Amino acid sequence: MLEVPRNIFLNLAKLGLGVMLPMLGIAPLAGCPGMWSYAAPFVIAGFVLVAGNARIVLERPPLLRATSEGLWFGGGSILPWREVAAIYYPRVRDLGGNAAFQTRELRIAFHRRRALLALPWMRWFPAIALGRVAVSLETIRGPTRTIVAQLETMRRRACGDEDAIAGRMTKLPPARVVKR
């Protein structure tokens, strides 16, 4: 099992913003009962932020948990390994096209976009638009390559490749007979 812990600070900030948004919408309209429709978007957005982040702050689920069954993103259901197409890390390229540096995140691509609906609802919009999920590795020690290799090996073993090794999958060359 591999687990990437969550940085709870960002969720605390979103929770605070969710508490403040209704106050920002209601305070200017306190004396005007006919203008409450202008405050409604602030109240709705605040409620959504509080509802989405209160559970995370109280339960503190991991950002990602990988087991032999599949991937779990701290909410929703477990995505089976057969839905995962690839696990990789992005390289940022400079103007010349050379790899400049690696980011501290991993990306998970899926075979079907429909599988992304098993993710927590807060990840739907960026995940469905891009067809992949990005997971930050800032809270975990170790090189990004090592973590990606461990996850890719878990995926290959679960999909039936018992001799899985870390690295890229390459097609075997065709057999040929060499005469001397």
C-alpha atoms as a PDB file:
ATOM      1  CA  MET A   1       0.000   0.000   0.000  1.00  0.00           C
ATOM      2  CA  LEU A   2       1.259   3.479  -0.899  1.00  0.00           C
ATOM      3  CA  GLU A   3      -0.335   6.542   0.640  1.00  0.00           C
ATOM      4  CA  VAL A   4       0.192  10.237  -0.144  1.00  0.00           C
ATOM      5  CA  PRO A   5      -0.883  12.370   2.842  1.00  0.00           C
ATOM      6  CA  ARG A   6      -2.873  15.550   2.349  1.00  0.00           C
ATOM      7  CA  ASN A   7      -1.640  19.060   3.158  1.00  0.00           C
ATOM      8  CA  ILE A   8      -4.529  20.272   5.306  1.00  0.00           C
ATOM      9  CA  PHE A   9      -3.571  23.994   5.191  1.00  0.00           C
ATOM     10  CA  LEU A  10      -5.223  24.603   1.818  1.00  0.00           C
ATOM     11  CA  ASN A  11      -8.460  23.011   3.026  1.00  0.00           C
ATOM     12  CA  LEU A  12      -8.428  25.199   6.150  1.00  0.00           C
ATOM     13  CA  ALA A  13      -8.029  28.278   3.941  1.00  0.00           C
ATOM     14  CA  LYS A  14     -10.966  27.186   1.741  1.00  0.00           C
ATOM     15  CA  LEU A  15     -13.054  26.540   4.849  1.00  0.00           C
ATOM     16  CA  GLY A  16     -12.316  30.063   6.114  1.00  0.00           C
ATOM     17  CA  LEU A  17     -13.207  31.548   2.726  1.00  0.00           C
ATOM     18  CA  GLY A  18     -16.449  29.559   2.746  1.00  0.00           C
ATOM     19  CA  VAL A  19     -17.397  31.048   6.109  1.00  0.00           C
ATOM     20  CA  MET A  20     -16.530  34.602   4.991  1.00  0.00           C
ATOM     21  CA  LEU A  21     -18.295  34.590   1.594  1.00  0.00           C
ATOM     22  CA  PRO A  22     -21.876  34.731   2.957  1.00  0.00           C
ATOM     23  CA  MET A  23     -20.896  37.599   5.226  1.00  0.00           C
ATOM     24  CA  LEU A  24     -19.458  39.518   2.257  1.00  0.00           C
ATOM     25  CA  GLY A  25     -22.684  39.042   0.335  1.00  0.00           C
ATOM     26  CA  ILE A  26     -25.107  39.775   3.160  1.00  0.00           C
ATOM     27  CA  ALA A  27     -23.408  42.672   4.977  1.00  0.00           C
ATOM     28  CA  PRO A  28     -23.946  45.349   2.287  1.00  0.00           C
ATOM     29  CA  LEU A  29     -27.578  44.292   1.815  1.00  0.00           C
ATOM     30  CA  ALA A  30     -28.614  44.090   5.479  1.00  0.00           C
ATOM     31  CA  GLY A  31     -30.849  47.157   5.238  1.00  0.00           C
ATOM     32  CA  CYS A  32     -32.319  46.340   1.816  1.00  0.00           C
ATOM     33  CA  PRO A  33     -34.756  43.401   1.983  1.00  0.00           C
ATOM     34  CA  GLY A  34     -35.526  43.519  -1.761  1.00  0.00           C
ATOM     35  CA  MET A  35     -31.935  42.887  -2.847  1.00  0.00           C
ATOM     36  CA  TRP A  36     -31.305  39.495  -1.273  1.00  0.00           C
ATOM     37  CA  SER A  37     -31.022  37.873  -4.696  1.00  0.00           C
ATOM     38  CA  TYR A  38     -27.616  39.573  -5.070  1.00  0.00           C
ATOM     39  CA  ALA A  39     -26.357  37.846  -1.920  1.00  0.00           C
ATOM     40  CA  ALA A  40     -27.544  34.368  -3.013  1.00  0.00           C
ATOM     41  CA  PRO A  41     -24.427  33.498  -5.119  1.00  0.00           C
ATOM     42  CA  PHE A  42     -22.167  34.372  -2.175  1.00  0.00           C
ATOM     43  CA  VAL A  43     -24.211  32.249   0.212  1.00  0.00           C
ATOM     44  CA  ILE A  44     -24.326  29.283  -2.202  1.00  0.00           C
ATOM     45  CA  ALA A  45     -20.589  29.446  -2.962  1.00  0.00           C
ATOM     46  CA  GLY A  46     -19.831  29.694   0.761  1.00  0.00           C
ATOM     47  CA  PHE A  47     -22.029  26.711   1.543  1.00  0.00           C
ATOM     48  CA  VAL A  48     -20.344  24.612  -1.164  1.00  0.00           C
ATOM     49  CA  LEU A  49     -16.861  25.501   0.137  1.00  0.00           C
ATOM     50  CA  VAL A  50     -17.791  24.736   3.747  1.00  0.00           C
ATOM     51  CA  ALA A  51     -19.509  21.456   2.859  1.00  0.00           C
ATOM     52  CA  GLY A  52     -16.636  20.270   0.677  1.00  0.00           C
ATOM     53  CA  ASN A  53     -13.827  21.135   3.064  1.00  0.00           C
ATOM     54  CA  ALA A  54     -15.331  20.484   6.510  1.00  0.00           C
ATOM     55  CA  ARG A  55     -15.281  16.714   5.958  1.00  0.00           C
ATOM     56  CA  ILE A  56     -11.665  16.838   4.766  1.00  0.00           C
ATOM     57  CA  VAL A  57     -10.543  18.905   7.764  1.00  0.00           C
ATOM     58  CA  LEU A  58     -12.335  16.626  10.236  1.00  0.00           C
ATOM     59  CA  GLU A  59     -11.518  13.213   8.720  1.00  0.00           C
ATOM     60  CA  ARG A  60      -8.146  14.029   7.096  1.00  0.00           C
ATOM     61  CA  PRO A  61      -8.265  11.402   4.348  1.00  0.00           C
ATOM     62  CA  PRO A  62      -5.104  10.882   2.286  1.00  0.00           C
ATOM     63  CA  LEU A  63      -4.731  12.602  -1.054  1.00  0.00           C
ATOM     64  CA  LEU A  64      -4.106   9.248  -2.730  1.00  0.00           C
ATOM     65  CA  ARG A  65      -4.087   5.658  -1.517  1.00  0.00           C
ATOM     66  CA  ALA A  66      -2.907   2.866  -3.798  1.00  0.00           C
ATOM     67  CA  THR A  67      -3.634  -0.745  -2.873  1.00  0.00           C
ATOM     68  CA  SER A  68      -3.738  -3.988  -4.812  1.00  0.00           C
ATOM     69  CA  GLU A  69      -7.399  -3.243  -5.620  1.00  0.00           C
ATOM     70  CA  GLY A  70      -6.835   0.185  -7.173  1.00  0.00           C
ATOM     71  CA  LEU A  71      -6.585   3.894  -6.431  1.00  0.00           C
ATOM     72  CA  TRP A  72      -8.618   5.853  -3.897  1.00  0.00           C
ATOM     73  CA  PHE A  73      -8.488   9.658  -3.989  1.00  0.00           C
ATOM     74  CA  GLY A  74      -9.699  10.433  -0.460  1.00  0.00           C
ATOM     75  CA  GLY A  75     -13.361  10.203  -1.391  1.00  0.00           C
ATOM     76  CA  GLY A  76     -15.626   8.505  -3.849  1.00  0.00           C
ATOM     77  CA  SER A  77     -15.092   4.892  -4.780  1.00  0.00           C
ATOM     78  CA  ILE A  78     -11.937   2.924  -5.545  1.00  0.00           C
ATOM     79  CA  LEU A  79     -10.842   3.103  -9.164  1.00  0.00           C
ATOM     80  CA  PRO A  80      -9.686  -0.349 -10.268  1.00  0.00           C
ATOM     81  CA  TRP A  81      -6.256  -0.642 -11.842  1.00  0.00           C
ATOM     82  CA  ARG A  82      -7.723  -1.756 -15.172  1.00  0.00           C
ATOM     83  CA  GLU A  83      -9.135   1.782 -15.615  1.00  0.00           C
ATOM     84  CA  VAL A  84      -5.678   3.375 -15.250  1.00  0.00           C
ATOM     85  CA  ALA A  85      -3.829   3.793 -18.550  1.00  0.00           C
ATOM     86  CA  ALA A  86      -0.551   5.240 -17.235  1.00  0.00           C
ATOM     87  CA  ILE A  87       1.115   6.850 -14.242  1.00  0.00           C
ATOM     88  CA  TYR A  88       3.839   9.334 -15.077  1.00  0.00           C
ATOM     89  CA  TYR A  89       5.507  12.534 -13.970  1.00  0.00           C
ATOM     90  CA  PRO A  90       5.603  15.643 -16.145  1.00  0.00           C
ATOM     91  CA  ARG A  91       8.810  17.267 -17.244  1.00  0.00           C
ATOM     92  CA  VAL A  92       8.879  20.991 -17.836  1.00  0.00           C
ATOM     93  CA  ARG A  93      10.808  21.845 -20.982  1.00  0.00           C
ATOM     94  CA  ASP A  94      12.830  24.985 -21.670  1.00  0.00           C
ATOM     95  CA  LEU A  95      12.650  26.977 -24.900  1.00  0.00           C
ATOM     96  CA  GLY A  96      15.152  24.676 -26.625  1.00  0.00           C
ATOM     97  CA  GLY A  97      13.011  21.593 -25.971  1.00  0.00           C
ATOM     98  CA  ASN A  98      15.348  20.112 -23.342  1.00  0.00           C
ATOM     99  CA  ALA A  99      14.042  18.851 -20.004  1.00  0.00           C
ATOM    100  CA  ALA A 100      14.593  21.753 -17.601  1.00  0.00           C
ATOM    101  CA  PHE A 101      13.274  20.273 -14.350  1.00  0.00           C
ATOM    102  CA  GLN A 102      10.752  17.838 -12.943  1.00  0.00           C
ATOM    103  CA  THR A 103       7.741  18.836 -10.939  1.00  0.00           C
ATOM    104  CA  ARG A 104       6.771  17.338  -7.587  1.00  0.00           C
ATOM    105  CA  GLU A 105       3.558  15.837  -8.885  1.00  0.00           C
ATOM    106  CA  LEU A 106       2.458  12.705 -10.610  1.00  0.00           C
ATOM    107  CA  ARG A 107      -0.190  12.389 -13.239  1.00  0.00           C
ATOM    108  CA  ILE A 108      -2.602   9.541 -13.709  1.00  0.00           C
ATOM    109  CA  ALA A 109      -4.221   8.995 -17.111  1.00  0.00           C
ATOM    110  CA  PHE A 110      -7.285   6.824 -17.567  1.00  0.00           C
ATOM    111  CA  HIS A 111      -8.561   4.689 -20.424  1.00  0.00           C
ATOM    112  CA  ARG A 112     -12.057   6.208 -20.288  1.00  0.00           C
ATOM    113  CA  ARG A 113     -13.125   9.648 -19.112  1.00  0.00           C
ATOM    114  CA  ARG A 114     -16.232   8.082 -17.590  1.00  0.00           C
ATOM    115  CA  ALA A 115     -14.011   6.472 -14.933  1.00  0.00           C
ATOM    116  CA  LEU A 116     -13.220   9.951 -13.613  1.00  0.00           C
ATOM    117  CA  LEU A 117     -16.742  10.181 -12.192  1.00  0.00           C
ATOM    118  CA  ALA A 118     -15.590   7.854  -9.385  1.00  0.00           C
ATOM    119  CA  LEU A 119     -13.333  10.669  -8.138  1.00  0.00           C
ATOM    120  CA  PRO A 120     -14.506  13.074  -5.413  1.00  0.00           C
ATOM    121  CA  TRP A 121     -16.777  15.717  -6.969  1.00  0.00           C
ATOM    122  CA  MET A 122     -14.286  18.525  -6.289  1.00  0.00           C
ATOM    123  CA  ARG A 123     -11.821  16.931  -8.742  1.00  0.00           C
ATOM    124  CA  TRP A 124     -14.322  16.430 -11.560  1.00  0.00           C
ATOM    125  CA  PHE A 125     -13.893  19.702 -13.436  1.00  0.00           C
ATOM    126  CA  PRO A 126     -10.116  19.667 -13.963  1.00  0.00           C
ATOM    127  CA  ALA A 127      -9.994  15.881 -14.336  1.00  0.00           C
ATOM    128  CA  ILE A 128     -12.725  15.565 -16.960  1.00  0.00           C
ATOM    129  CA  ALA A 129     -11.446  18.532 -18.952  1.00  0.00           C
ATOM    130  CA  LEU A 130      -7.877  17.158 -19.105  1.00  0.00           C
ATOM    131  CA  GLY A 131      -8.621  13.415 -19.004  1.00  0.00           C
ATOM    132  CA  ARG A 132      -6.108  12.882 -16.221  1.00  0.00           C
ATOM    133  CA  VAL A 133      -5.564  13.620 -12.542  1.00  0.00           C
ATOM    134  CA  ALA A 134      -2.602  15.467 -11.058  1.00  0.00           C
ATOM    135  CA  VAL A 135      -1.532  14.549  -7.509  1.00  0.00           C
ATOM    136  CA  SER A 136       0.915  16.734  -5.604  1.00  0.00           C
ATOM    137  CA  LEU A 137       3.786  14.914  -3.906  1.00  0.00           C
ATOM    138  CA  GLU A 138       4.894  17.814  -1.682  1.00  0.00           C
ATOM    139  CA  THR A 139       3.927  15.964   1.511  1.00  0.00           C
ATOM    140  CA  ILE A 140       5.863  12.794   0.766  1.00  0.00           C
ATOM    141  CA  ARG A 141       9.601  12.197   0.817  1.00  0.00           C
ATOM    142  CA  GLY A 142      11.564  10.565  -1.925  1.00  0.00           C
ATOM    143  CA  PRO A 143      12.156  11.219  -5.593  1.00  0.00           C
ATOM    144  CA  THR A 144       9.153  11.523  -7.848  1.00  0.00           C
ATOM    145  CA  ARG A 145      10.583   8.825 -10.130  1.00  0.00           C
ATOM    146  CA  THR A 146      10.604   6.282  -7.304  1.00  0.00           C
ATOM    147  CA  ILE A 147       6.993   6.902  -6.335  1.00  0.00           C
ATOM    148  CA  VAL A 148       5.837   6.787  -9.953  1.00  0.00           C
ATOM    149  CA  ALA A 149       7.775   3.535 -10.496  1.00  0.00           C
ATOM    150  CA  GLN A 150       6.176   1.959  -7.399  1.00  0.00           C
ATOM    151  CA  LEU A 151       2.679   2.909  -8.548  1.00  0.00           C
ATOM    152  CA  GLU A 152       3.308   1.771 -12.123  1.00  0.00           C
ATOM    153  CA  THR A 153       4.618  -1.565 -10.842  1.00  0.00           C
ATOM    154  CA  MET A 154       1.502  -1.998  -8.670  1.00  0.00           C
ATOM    155  CA  ARG A 155      -0.662  -1.245 -11.712  1.00  0.00           C
ATOM    156  CA  ARG A 156       1.130  -3.747 -13.933  1.00  0.00           C
ATOM    157  CA  ARG A 157       0.980  -6.505 -11.338  1.00  0.00           C
ATOM    158  CA  ALA A 158      -2.723  -5.937 -10.753  1.00  0.00           C
ATOM    159  CA  CYS A 159      -3.374  -6.066 -14.506  1.00  0.00           C
ATOM    160  CA  GLY A 160      -1.775  -9.493 -14.786  1.00  0.00           C
ATOM    161  CA  ASP A 161       1.884  -8.792 -15.536  1.00  0.00           C
ATOM    162  CA  GLU A 162       3.582 -10.670 -12.671  1.00  0.00           C
ATOM    163  CA  ASP A 163       7.074  -9.913 -13.978  1.00  0.00           C
ATOM    164  CA  ALA A 164       6.466  -6.187 -13.841  1.00  0.00           C
ATOM    165  CA  ILE A 165       9.477  -3.988 -13.400  1.00  0.00           C
ATOM    166  CA  ALA A 166       9.663  -0.253 -13.123  1.00  0.00           C
ATOM    167  CA  GLY A 167      10.305   1.653 -16.317  1.00  0.00           C
ATOM    168  CA  ARG A 168       8.724   2.073 -19.690  1.00  0.00           C
ATOM    169  CA  MET A 169       6.885  -0.707 -21.425  1.00  0.00           C
ATOM    170  CA  THR A 170       8.593  -1.549 -24.671  1.00  0.00           C
ATOM    171  CA  LYS A 171       7.553  -3.902 -27.403  1.00  0.00           C
ATOM    172  CA  LEU A 172       9.785  -6.926 -27.743  1.00  0.00           C
ATOM    173  CA  PRO A 173      11.742  -7.088 -31.009  1.00  0.00           C
ATOM    174  CA  PRO A 174      10.714  -9.795 -33.480  1.00  0.00           C
ATOM    175  CA  ALA A 175      12.637 -13.051 -33.215  1.00  0.00           C
ATOM    176  CA  ARG A 176      15.156 -13.787 -35.929  1.00  0.00           C
ATOM    177  CA  VAL A 177      17.713 -16.454 -36.684  1.00  0.00           C
ATOM    178  CA  VAL A 178      21.319 -15.379 -36.925  1.00  0.00           C
ATOM    179  CA  LYS A 179      23.715 -17.547 -38.974  1.00  0.00           C
ATOM    180  CA  ARG A 180      27.463 -17.427 -38.486  1.00  0.00           C
END
